[in-house]
C-alpha cells in the first residue's frame, strides 16, 4: 500500500479489525519511511463491474462515486451513517449478484431510488430530481403525488391487517 504522505510503498499494517457489519476490514497502517499513519479499508469484490452510461460510454464501476451520490441526497438528513453504509453495500451486492459485468446506469439509478425511498423521502426526491433530470416544478409535483399515493396504499394495507375480524 502506497503512503498517502510520501508515496513510499514501504508501509506496515499495525492493526486489523472487521467493521461492525463485517463487510469490510479496517487496517491501521504506518509508513516506515516518513512515520505517517493512515487507515485503509478492504472489501470483497465479486466481479469487475462496468457501467454503461446513457451516452453509451463505458466506465469502471466506482463504489465511492455511488456513496458520494447517496450522501449528497442525504445531506443534512437525520440518517445514521451506518444505515447509509449498509444501503450502499446492499446495492453493490445486488449489482454483483446480477451475474452481468456490464450494468446500465439506469439499473443503478433505479436501485438507489428504491433504497432511498425506503430510507428517507426527502433524499428520494432529491436524488430523483437529478436522476430523472427534472426541469420544472411540475416534475416535482408528479413525483410527490406518486410518493403520497404509495404511502396511502401502504397505510391501507396495514389498516386491513390491523382491522378486527367481523362475525
Protein backbone atom coordinates (compact mmCIF):
# COMPACT_ATOMS: atom_id res chain seq x y z
CA UNK A 1 0.00 0.00 0.00
CA UNK A 2 1.37 3.39 -1.00
CA UNK A 3 1.76 6.01 1.76
CA UNK A 4 -0.57 8.98 1.08
CA UNK A 5 2.00 11.38 2.61
CA UNK A 6 5.30 10.48 0.97
CA UNK A 7 4.33 7.94 -1.71
CA UNK A 8 6.55 5.17 -0.32
CA UNK A 9 5.40 1.57 -0.70
CA UNK A 10 7.26 0.63 2.49
CA UNK A 11 4.20 0.52 4.80
CA UNK A 12 3.21 -1.88 7.56
CA UNK A 13 -0.14 -2.97 8.97
CA UNK A 14 -0.28 -2.22 12.70
CA UNK A 15 -3.86 -3.24 13.44
CA UNK A 16 -6.69 -5.02 11.56
CA UNK A 17 -10.29 -5.44 12.61
CA UNK A 18 -13.62 -6.11 10.91
CA UNK A 19 -16.20 -3.34 10.58
CA UNK A 20 -19.37 -3.55 12.64
CA UNK A 21 -21.35 -5.11 9.80
CA UNK A 22 -18.46 -7.44 8.88
CA UNK A 23 -18.41 -6.35 5.24
CA UNK A 24 -15.02 -4.62 5.40
CA UNK A 25 -11.68 -4.95 7.17
CA UNK A 26 -10.24 -1.77 8.69
CA UNK A 27 -6.45 -1.64 8.67
CA UNK A 28 -4.31 0.89 10.54
CA UNK A 29 -1.02 1.37 8.71
CA UNK A 30 2.24 3.19 9.32
CA UNK A 31 4.85 4.26 6.79
CA UNK A 32 8.34 3.02 7.66
CA UNK A 33 9.93 5.92 5.74
CA UNK A 34 8.06 9.02 6.97
CA UNK A 35 6.23 7.63 10.04
CA UNK A 36 2.83 8.71 8.69
CA UNK A 37 -0.21 6.81 9.95
CA UNK A 38 -3.32 6.14 7.86
CA UNK A 39 -6.30 3.81 7.62
CA UNK A 40 -7.37 1.61 4.72
CA UNK A 41 -10.50 -0.47 4.20
CA UNK A 42 -10.65 -3.80 2.39
CA UNK A 43 -13.86 -5.15 0.80
CA UNK A 44 -14.72 -8.30 -1.08
CA UNK A 45 -15.24 -7.67 -4.78
CA UNK A 46 -17.05 -10.48 -6.55
CA UNK A 47 -16.55 -9.19 -10.08
CA UNK A 48 -15.29 -6.23 -12.08
CA UNK A 49 -18.34 -4.18 -12.98
CA UNK A 50 -18.56 -1.77 -15.91
CA UNK A 51 -21.19 0.95 -16.04
CA UNK A 52 -22.78 1.69 -19.40
CA UNK A 53 -23.84 5.35 -19.39
CA UNK A 54 -26.85 6.67 -21.29
CA UNK A 55 -24.48 8.04 -23.92
CA UNK A 56 -23.08 4.53 -24.46
CA UNK A 57 -19.77 5.38 -22.81
CA UNK A 58 -18.34 2.65 -20.58
CA UNK A 59 -16.72 3.31 -17.22
CA UNK A 60 -15.48 1.09 -14.40
CA UNK A 61 -17.96 0.94 -11.51
CA UNK A 62 -16.87 3.17 -8.63
CA UNK A 63 -18.39 2.39 -5.22
CA UNK A 64 -17.09 5.68 -3.83
CA UNK A 65 -18.92 7.63 -6.54
CA UNK A 66 -22.12 5.80 -5.63
CA UNK A 67 -21.55 6.62 -1.95
CA UNK A 68 -20.95 10.31 -2.75
CA UNK A 69 -24.19 10.50 -4.76
CA UNK A 70 -26.16 8.95 -1.93
CA UNK A 71 -24.51 11.23 0.65
CA UNK A 72 -25.37 14.30 -1.42
CA UNK A 73 -29.03 13.23 -1.49
CA UNK A 74 -28.93 12.60 2.27
CA UNK A 75 -27.05 15.81 3.18
CA UNK A 76 -28.42 17.33 6.41
CA UNK A 77 -30.93 14.49 6.81
CA UNK A 78 -31.22 12.58 10.12
CA UNK A 79 -29.95 9.24 8.82
CA UNK A 80 -27.35 7.19 10.67
CA UNK A 81 -24.11 6.77 8.64
CA UNK A 82 -24.17 3.03 9.39
CA UNK A 83 -27.55 2.75 7.63
CA UNK A 84 -26.12 4.59 4.62
CA UNK A 85 -23.13 2.23 4.51
CA UNK A 86 -25.41 -0.83 4.74
CA UNK A 87 -27.64 0.56 2.00
CA UNK A 88 -24.72 1.18 -0.38
CA UNK A 89 -23.20 -2.23 0.41
CA UNK A 90 -26.57 -3.84 -0.31
CA UNK A 91 -26.81 -2.05 -3.67
CA UNK A 92 -23.29 -3.15 -4.61
CA UNK A 93 -24.05 -6.76 -3.62
CA UNK A 94 -27.20 -6.71 -5.74
CA UNK A 95 -25.25 -5.37 -8.71
CA UNK A 96 -22.56 -8.04 -8.30
CA UNK A 97 -25.18 -10.78 -7.91
CA UNK A 98 -26.95 -9.82 -11.15
CA UNK A 99 -24.42 -12.02 -12.93
CA UNK A 100 -23.56 -9.37 -15.50
CA UNK A 101 -20.29 -7.47 -15.71
CA UNK A 102 -21.92 -4.67 -17.72
CA UNK A 103 -24.54 -2.72 -15.80
CA UNK A 104 -26.63 0.09 -17.29
CA UNK A 105 -26.54 3.31 -15.29
CA UNK A 106 -30.36 3.27 -15.30
CA UNK A 107 -30.31 0.00 -13.33
CA UNK A 108 -28.05 1.53 -10.72
CA UNK A 109 -30.27 4.62 -10.52
CA UNK A 110 -33.41 2.52 -10.00
CA UNK A 111 -31.75 0.52 -7.21
CA UNK A 112 -30.62 3.72 -5.49
CA UNK A 113 -34.07 5.29 -5.81
CA UNK A 114 -35.75 2.20 -4.35
CA UNK A 115 -33.32 2.14 -1.43
CA UNK A 116 -33.64 5.88 -0.76
CA UNK A 117 -37.43 5.68 -0.93
CA UNK A 118 -37.35 3.14 1.90
CA UNK A 119 -34.77 5.17 3.86
CA UNK A 120 -35.77 8.85 3.54
CA UNK A 121 -38.45 10.51 1.40
CA UNK A 122 -36.63 13.84 1.09
CA UNK A 123 -33.42 12.16 -0.10
CA UNK A 124 -35.51 10.11 -2.53
CA UNK A 125 -36.98 13.28 -4.06
CA UNK A 126 -33.56 14.97 -4.18
CA UNK A 127 -31.96 12.01 -5.96
CA UNK A 128 -34.92 11.58 -8.32
CA UNK A 129 -34.74 15.24 -9.33
CA UNK A 130 -31.20 14.73 -10.61
CA UNK A 131 -31.61 11.15 -11.88
CA UNK A 132 -34.79 11.96 -13.81
CA UNK A 133 -33.44 15.37 -14.86
CA UNK A 134 -36.35 17.46 -13.54
CA UNK A 135 -36.78 20.69 -15.49
CA UNK A 136 -39.78 22.33 -13.84
CA UNK A 137 -41.83 22.36 -10.64
CA UNK A 138 -44.48 20.16 -12.27
CA UNK A 139 -41.96 17.29 -12.32
CA UNK A 140 -41.66 17.54 -8.53
CA UNK A 141 -45.45 17.64 -8.15
CA UNK A 142 -45.80 14.45 -10.18
CA UNK A 143 -43.17 12.59 -8.14
CA UNK A 144 -44.62 13.80 -4.83
CA UNK A 145 -48.08 12.69 -5.98
CA UNK A 146 -46.71 9.22 -6.73
CA UNK A 147 -44.97 9.14 -3.34
CA UNK A 148 -48.16 10.15 -1.50
CA UNK A 149 -50.19 7.53 -3.40
CA UNK A 150 -47.67 4.83 -2.45
CA UNK A 151 -47.85 5.85 1.21
CA UNK A 152 -51.67 5.83 1.10
CA UNK A 153 -51.60 2.31 -0.38
CA UNK A 154 -49.21 1.12 2.35
CA UNK A 155 -51.39 2.64 5.09
CA UNK A 156 -54.49 0.99 3.61
CA UNK A 157 -52.72 -2.39 3.50
CA UNK A 158 -51.56 -2.08 7.13
CA UNK A 159 -55.07 -0.97 8.14
CA UNK A 160 -56.57 -4.14 6.65
CA UNK A 161 -54.14 -6.28 8.62
CA UNK A 162 -54.92 -4.42 11.84
CA UNK A 163 -58.71 -4.38 11.38
CA UNK A 164 -60.59 -6.79 13.65
CA UNK A 165 -62.35 -9.72 12.05
CA UNK A 166 -66.10 -9.33 11.62
CA UNK A 167 -68.55 -12.03 12.78
